[in-house]
N, C-alpha and C. Protein backbone atom coordinates (compact mmCIF):
# COMPACT_ATOMS: atom_id res chain seq x y z
N UNK A 1 0.83 -1.16 -0.40
CA UNK A 1 -0.12 -0.14 0.37
C UNK A 1 0.65 1.33 -0.25
N UNK A 2 0.46 2.12 -1.16
CA UNK A 2 1.33 3.28 -0.95
C UNK A 2 1.57 4.55 0.33
N UNK A 3 2.21 4.70 0.08
CA UNK A 3 2.05 5.99 1.70
C UNK A 3 1.00 6.82 1.72
N UNK A 4 0.90 7.21 0.70
CA UNK A 4 -0.80 8.36 0.10
C UNK A 4 -1.72 7.82 0.69
N UNK A 5 -2.28 6.34 0.09
CA UNK A 5 -3.32 5.39 0.50
C UNK A 5 -2.94 5.10 2.02
N UNK A 6 -2.04 4.29 2.28
CA UNK A 6 -2.27 4.44 4.07
C UNK A 6 -3.12 5.80 5.00
N UNK A 7 -2.46 7.25 4.58
CA UNK A 7 -2.68 8.78 4.50
C UNK A 7 -3.68 8.63 4.35
N UNK A 8 -4.46 7.70 3.67
CA UNK A 8 -6.06 8.47 3.42
C UNK A 8 -6.90 7.17 4.55
N UNK A 9 -6.41 5.83 4.91
CA UNK A 9 -7.06 5.05 5.15
C UNK A 9 -6.86 5.95 7.14
N UNK A 10 -5.36 7.00 7.48
CA UNK A 10 -5.94 7.47 8.93
C UNK A 10 -6.74 8.34 8.45
N UNK A 11 -7.80 8.31 7.65
CA UNK A 11 -8.88 9.80 7.87
C UNK A 11 -9.98 9.00 7.83
N UNK A 12 -10.05 7.42 8.08
CA UNK A 12 -11.06 7.28 7.93
C UNK A 12 -11.69 7.61 9.23
N UNK A 13 -11.19 7.32 10.28
CA UNK A 13 -12.09 8.17 11.28
C UNK A 13 -12.96 9.39 11.14
N UNK A 14 -12.68 10.39 10.01
CA UNK A 14 -13.57 11.51 9.97
C UNK A 14 -14.39 11.05 9.18
N UNK A 15 -14.44 9.94 8.25
CA UNK A 15 -15.93 9.45 7.66
C UNK A 15 -17.24 10.00 8.07
N UNK A 16 -17.12 9.20 9.23
CA UNK A 16 -19.15 9.64 9.73
C UNK A 16 -19.41 11.35 9.99
N UNK A 17 -17.92 11.94 10.27
CA UNK A 17 -17.66 13.22 10.59
C UNK A 17 -17.82 14.06 9.34
N UNK A 18 -17.53 13.37 8.64
CA UNK A 18 -18.13 14.08 6.52
C UNK A 18 -20.09 13.54 5.97
N UNK A 19 -20.42 12.31 6.88
CA UNK A 19 -21.20 11.73 6.64
C UNK A 19 -22.11 12.93 7.71
N UNK A 20 -21.84 13.46 9.03
CA UNK A 20 -22.83 14.09 9.74
C UNK A 20 -23.12 15.90 8.98
N UNK A 21 -21.97 15.99 8.57
CA UNK A 21 -22.05 17.56 7.84
C UNK A 21 -23.04 17.13 6.66
N UNK A 22 -22.72 16.12 6.17
CA UNK A 22 -23.84 16.16 4.83
C UNK A 22 -24.93 15.88 5.46
N UNK A 23 -25.42 16.11 6.10
CA UNK A 23 -26.84 15.47 6.99
C UNK A 23 -27.29 13.85 5.99
N UNK A 24 -26.85 12.97 6.38
CA UNK A 24 -27.30 11.28 5.72
C UNK A 24 -27.24 10.74 6.66
N UNK A 25 -27.97 10.14 7.29
CA UNK A 25 -28.26 9.07 8.23
C UNK A 25 -27.77 7.72 7.40
N UNK A 26 -27.09 7.11 8.43
CA UNK A 26 -26.29 5.55 8.58
C UNK A 26 -27.31 5.46 7.19
N UNK A 27 -27.98 5.08 7.08
CA UNK A 27 -29.40 4.26 5.61
C UNK A 27 -29.35 4.94 4.99
N UNK A 28 -29.62 6.47 4.74
CA UNK A 28 -29.18 7.27 3.08
C UNK A 28 -27.77 7.08 2.74
N UNK A 29 -26.31 6.41 3.70
CA UNK A 29 -25.55 6.69 2.91
C UNK A 29 -25.63 4.90 2.50
N UNK A 30 -25.40 4.41 3.17
CA UNK A 30 -25.35 2.89 2.42
C UNK A 30 -26.08 2.45 1.48
N UNK A 31 -27.59 3.50 1.03
CA UNK A 31 -28.78 3.41 -0.31
C UNK A 31 -27.64 3.87 -1.44
N UNK A 32 -27.08 5.55 -1.28
CA UNK A 32 -25.67 6.19 -2.08
C UNK A 32 -25.04 4.99 -2.43
N UNK A 33 -24.28 4.56 -0.85
CA UNK A 33 -23.13 3.81 -1.78
C UNK A 33 -23.43 1.96 -2.16
N UNK A 34 -24.93 2.15 -2.28
CA UNK A 34 -24.97 0.47 -3.03
C UNK A 34 -25.14 0.59 -4.40
N UNK A 35 -26.13 2.36 -4.11
CA UNK A 35 -26.53 2.61 -5.67
C UNK A 35 -24.92 2.48 -6.85
N UNK A 36 -23.95 3.22 -5.90
CA UNK A 36 -22.26 3.35 -6.73
C UNK A 36 -21.98 1.91 -6.57
N UNK A 37 -22.51 0.67 -6.02
CA UNK A 37 -21.69 -0.17 -6.47
C UNK A 37 -21.17 -0.74 -5.70
N UNK A 38 -21.13 -0.11 -4.00
CA UNK A 38 -20.94 -1.09 -2.56
C UNK A 38 -21.53 -2.31 -2.66
N UNK A 39 -20.79 -3.28 -2.61
CA UNK A 39 -21.60 -4.44 -1.96
C UNK A 39 -21.03 -4.99 -0.44
N UNK A 40 -20.95 -3.93 0.25
CA UNK A 40 -21.11 -4.23 2.07
C UNK A 40 -22.52 -3.74 2.45
N UNK A 41 -22.57 -4.58 3.48
CA UNK A 41 -23.62 -5.02 4.72
C UNK A 41 -23.48 -3.05 5.15
N UNK A 42 -24.94 -3.01 5.26
CA UNK A 42 -25.30 -1.29 6.00
C UNK A 42 -24.15 -1.28 7.80
N UNK A 43 -24.23 -2.73 8.25
CA UNK A 43 -23.68 -2.88 9.57
C UNK A 43 -22.19 -3.10 8.93
N UNK A 44 -21.65 -3.72 7.93
CA UNK A 44 -20.14 -3.35 7.12
C UNK A 44 -19.55 -2.02 7.28
N UNK A 45 -20.88 -0.64 6.56
CA UNK A 45 -20.64 0.43 6.35
C UNK A 45 -20.29 0.77 7.45
N UNK A 46 -21.05 0.37 9.09
CA UNK A 46 -21.52 1.83 9.74
C UNK A 46 -19.72 1.51 10.33
N UNK A 47 -19.72 -0.14 10.60
CA UNK A 47 -18.57 -0.47 10.90
C UNK A 47 -17.04 0.36 10.23
N UNK A 48 -17.77 1.21 8.81
CA UNK A 48 -16.65 1.69 8.62
C UNK A 48 -16.32 3.20 8.57
N UNK A 49 -16.98 3.01 9.07
CA UNK A 49 -17.32 4.85 9.60
C UNK A 49 -16.56 5.00 10.61
N UNK A 50 -16.77 4.46 11.28
CA UNK A 50 -16.45 3.98 13.34
C UNK A 50 -14.75 3.91 12.73
N UNK A 51 -14.53 3.10 12.39
CA UNK A 51 -13.56 2.90 11.88
C UNK A 51 -12.90 0.92 12.75
N UNK A 52 -14.06 0.98 12.65
CA UNK A 52 -13.96 -0.83 13.19
C UNK A 52 -13.55 -1.98 12.70
N UNK A 53 -13.97 -1.47 11.11
CA UNK A 53 -13.39 -2.72 9.99
C UNK A 53 -12.53 -1.79 9.09
N UNK A 54 -11.70 -1.84 8.39
CA UNK A 54 -10.84 -1.10 7.10
C UNK A 54 -11.53 -1.76 5.92
N UNK A 55 -11.58 -0.82 5.09
CA UNK A 55 -12.68 -0.98 3.52
C UNK A 55 -11.33 -1.42 2.74
N UNK A 56 -11.78 -2.13 1.69
CA UNK A 56 -11.08 -2.27 0.81
C UNK A 56 -10.33 -0.68 -0.42
N UNK A 57 -9.44 -0.11 -0.68
CA UNK A 57 -9.47 0.86 -1.36
C UNK A 57 -10.57 0.82 -2.05
N UNK A 58 -11.48 0.49 -2.96
CA UNK A 58 -12.89 0.46 -3.64
C UNK A 58 -13.43 0.83 -2.88
N UNK A 59 -13.96 0.12 -1.40
CA UNK A 59 -14.68 0.58 -0.93
C UNK A 59 -15.00 1.77 -0.58
N UNK A 60 -14.07 1.93 0.47
CA UNK A 60 -13.68 3.64 1.04
C UNK A 60 -14.05 4.20 -0.41
N UNK A 61 -13.39 3.88 -1.89
CA UNK A 61 -13.48 5.48 -3.10
C UNK A 61 -15.46 5.49 -3.18
N UNK A 62 -15.65 4.36 -3.16
CA UNK A 62 -17.60 4.61 -3.49
C UNK A 62 -18.64 5.53 -1.94
N UNK A 63 -17.23 5.40 -0.82
CA UNK A 63 -18.03 5.64 0.27
C UNK A 63 -17.45 7.57 0.23
N UNK A 64 -16.72 7.91 -0.26
CA UNK A 64 -16.19 8.67 -0.21
C UNK A 64 -16.88 9.96 -1.82
N UNK A 65 -17.25 8.50 -3.21
CA UNK A 65 -17.41 9.25 -4.02
C UNK A 65 -19.25 9.46 -3.66
N UNK A 66 -19.53 8.16 -2.46
CA UNK A 66 -21.45 9.34 -2.37
C UNK A 66 -21.29 9.87 -1.45
N UNK A 67 -20.40 10.06 -0.45
CA UNK A 67 -20.46 11.59 0.17
C UNK A 67 -19.75 12.85 -0.42
N UNK A 68 -19.41 12.67 -1.58
CA UNK A 68 -18.76 13.65 -2.44
C UNK A 68 -20.42 13.85 -3.22
N UNK A 69 -20.88 13.28 -3.96
CA UNK A 69 -21.87 13.82 -4.42
C UNK A 69 -23.16 14.35 -3.70
N UNK A 70 -23.29 13.90 -2.64
CA UNK A 70 -24.31 15.07 -1.49
C UNK A 70 -24.01 16.03 -1.41
N UNK A 71 -22.23 16.43 -0.88
CA UNK A 71 -21.49 17.75 -1.10
C UNK A 71 -22.31 18.79 -2.49
N UNK A 72 -22.09 17.65 -3.46
CA UNK A 72 -22.31 18.74 -4.29
C UNK A 72 -24.03 19.24 -4.25
N UNK A 73 -24.56 17.86 -4.35
CA UNK A 73 -26.11 18.47 -4.12
C UNK A 73 -26.76 19.62 -3.39
N UNK A 74 -25.84 20.18 -2.19
CA UNK A 74 -25.92 21.14 -1.51
C UNK A 74 -24.84 22.36 -1.62
N UNK A 75 -24.73 22.50 -2.97
CA UNK A 75 -23.77 23.60 -3.58
C UNK A 75 -22.50 23.45 -3.38
N UNK A 76 -21.71 22.45 -2.84
CA UNK A 76 -20.32 21.86 -2.55
C UNK A 76 -19.33 21.70 -3.28
N UNK A 77 -18.30 21.94 -2.90
CA UNK A 77 -17.13 20.32 -3.95
C UNK A 77 -17.40 19.27 -3.10
N UNK A 78 -15.72 18.90 -3.37
CA UNK A 78 -16.09 17.66 -2.97
C UNK A 78 -14.49 17.40 -1.55
N UNK A 79 -14.99 17.07 -0.78
CA UNK A 79 -14.49 17.66 0.37
C UNK A 79 -13.38 16.34 0.86
N UNK A 80 -14.77 15.03 0.61
CA UNK A 80 -13.59 13.87 0.63
C UNK A 80 -12.88 13.01 -0.19
N UNK A 81 -11.65 12.95 0.55
CA UNK A 81 -10.38 12.86 -0.26
C UNK A 81 -10.54 11.40 -0.77
N UNK A 82 -10.05 10.86 -1.80
CA UNK A 82 -10.50 9.58 -2.63
C UNK A 82 -9.20 8.50 -1.36
N UNK A 83 -8.70 7.04 -2.26
CA UNK A 83 -7.92 6.37 -1.00
C UNK A 83 -6.58 7.07 -1.48
N UNK A 84 -6.22 7.92 -2.73
CA UNK A 84 -4.66 7.94 -3.45
C UNK A 84 -5.10 9.81 -3.04
N UNK A 85 -5.62 10.42 -2.47
CA UNK A 85 -5.47 11.14 -1.94
C UNK A 85 -4.60 11.75 -0.98
N UNK A 86 -4.54 13.49 -0.98
CA UNK A 86 -3.71 13.55 0.29
C UNK A 86 -5.65 14.03 1.63
N UNK A 87 -5.72 13.61 3.03
CA UNK A 87 -6.37 13.26 3.07
C UNK A 87 -6.94 15.17 3.71
N UNK A 88 -7.88 15.04 3.81
CA UNK A 88 -8.43 16.78 4.45
C UNK A 88 -9.07 16.51 5.38
N UNK A 89 -8.76 17.65 6.76
CA UNK A 89 -10.70 17.25 7.91
C UNK A 89 -11.72 17.82 7.92
N UNK A 90 -12.96 17.57 7.98
CA UNK A 90 -14.16 18.10 7.66
C UNK A 90 -14.40 19.02 8.24
N UNK A 91 -14.56 20.60 8.26
CA UNK A 91 -15.42 21.38 9.34
C UNK A 91 -16.38 20.72 10.06
N UNK A 92 -15.66 20.04 11.19
CA UNK A 92 -16.61 19.76 11.72
C UNK A 92 -17.03 21.15 13.22
N UNK A 93 -17.67 21.52 13.99
CA UNK A 93 -18.03 22.13 14.83
C UNK A 93 -17.28 21.04 15.99
């Protein structure tokens, strides 16, 4: 695994903060993830969000895509990094 990919994985603990900032429930995020081709269960997705399980790079990217699409719907940008991107911290209060 590359150093940049490991850096993105270090940001796993902020995925749930991004979900909250996007205003999505766990179920809503899972549905978006599933629609984009994610194959994990809702329970597995929650475990990814909380850092209890580590998603594959593909699953991480599908979660990031689902969140980023929501941010675009809200008039924002793509704040969630993909597996090969530099990590960014969400604007959480």
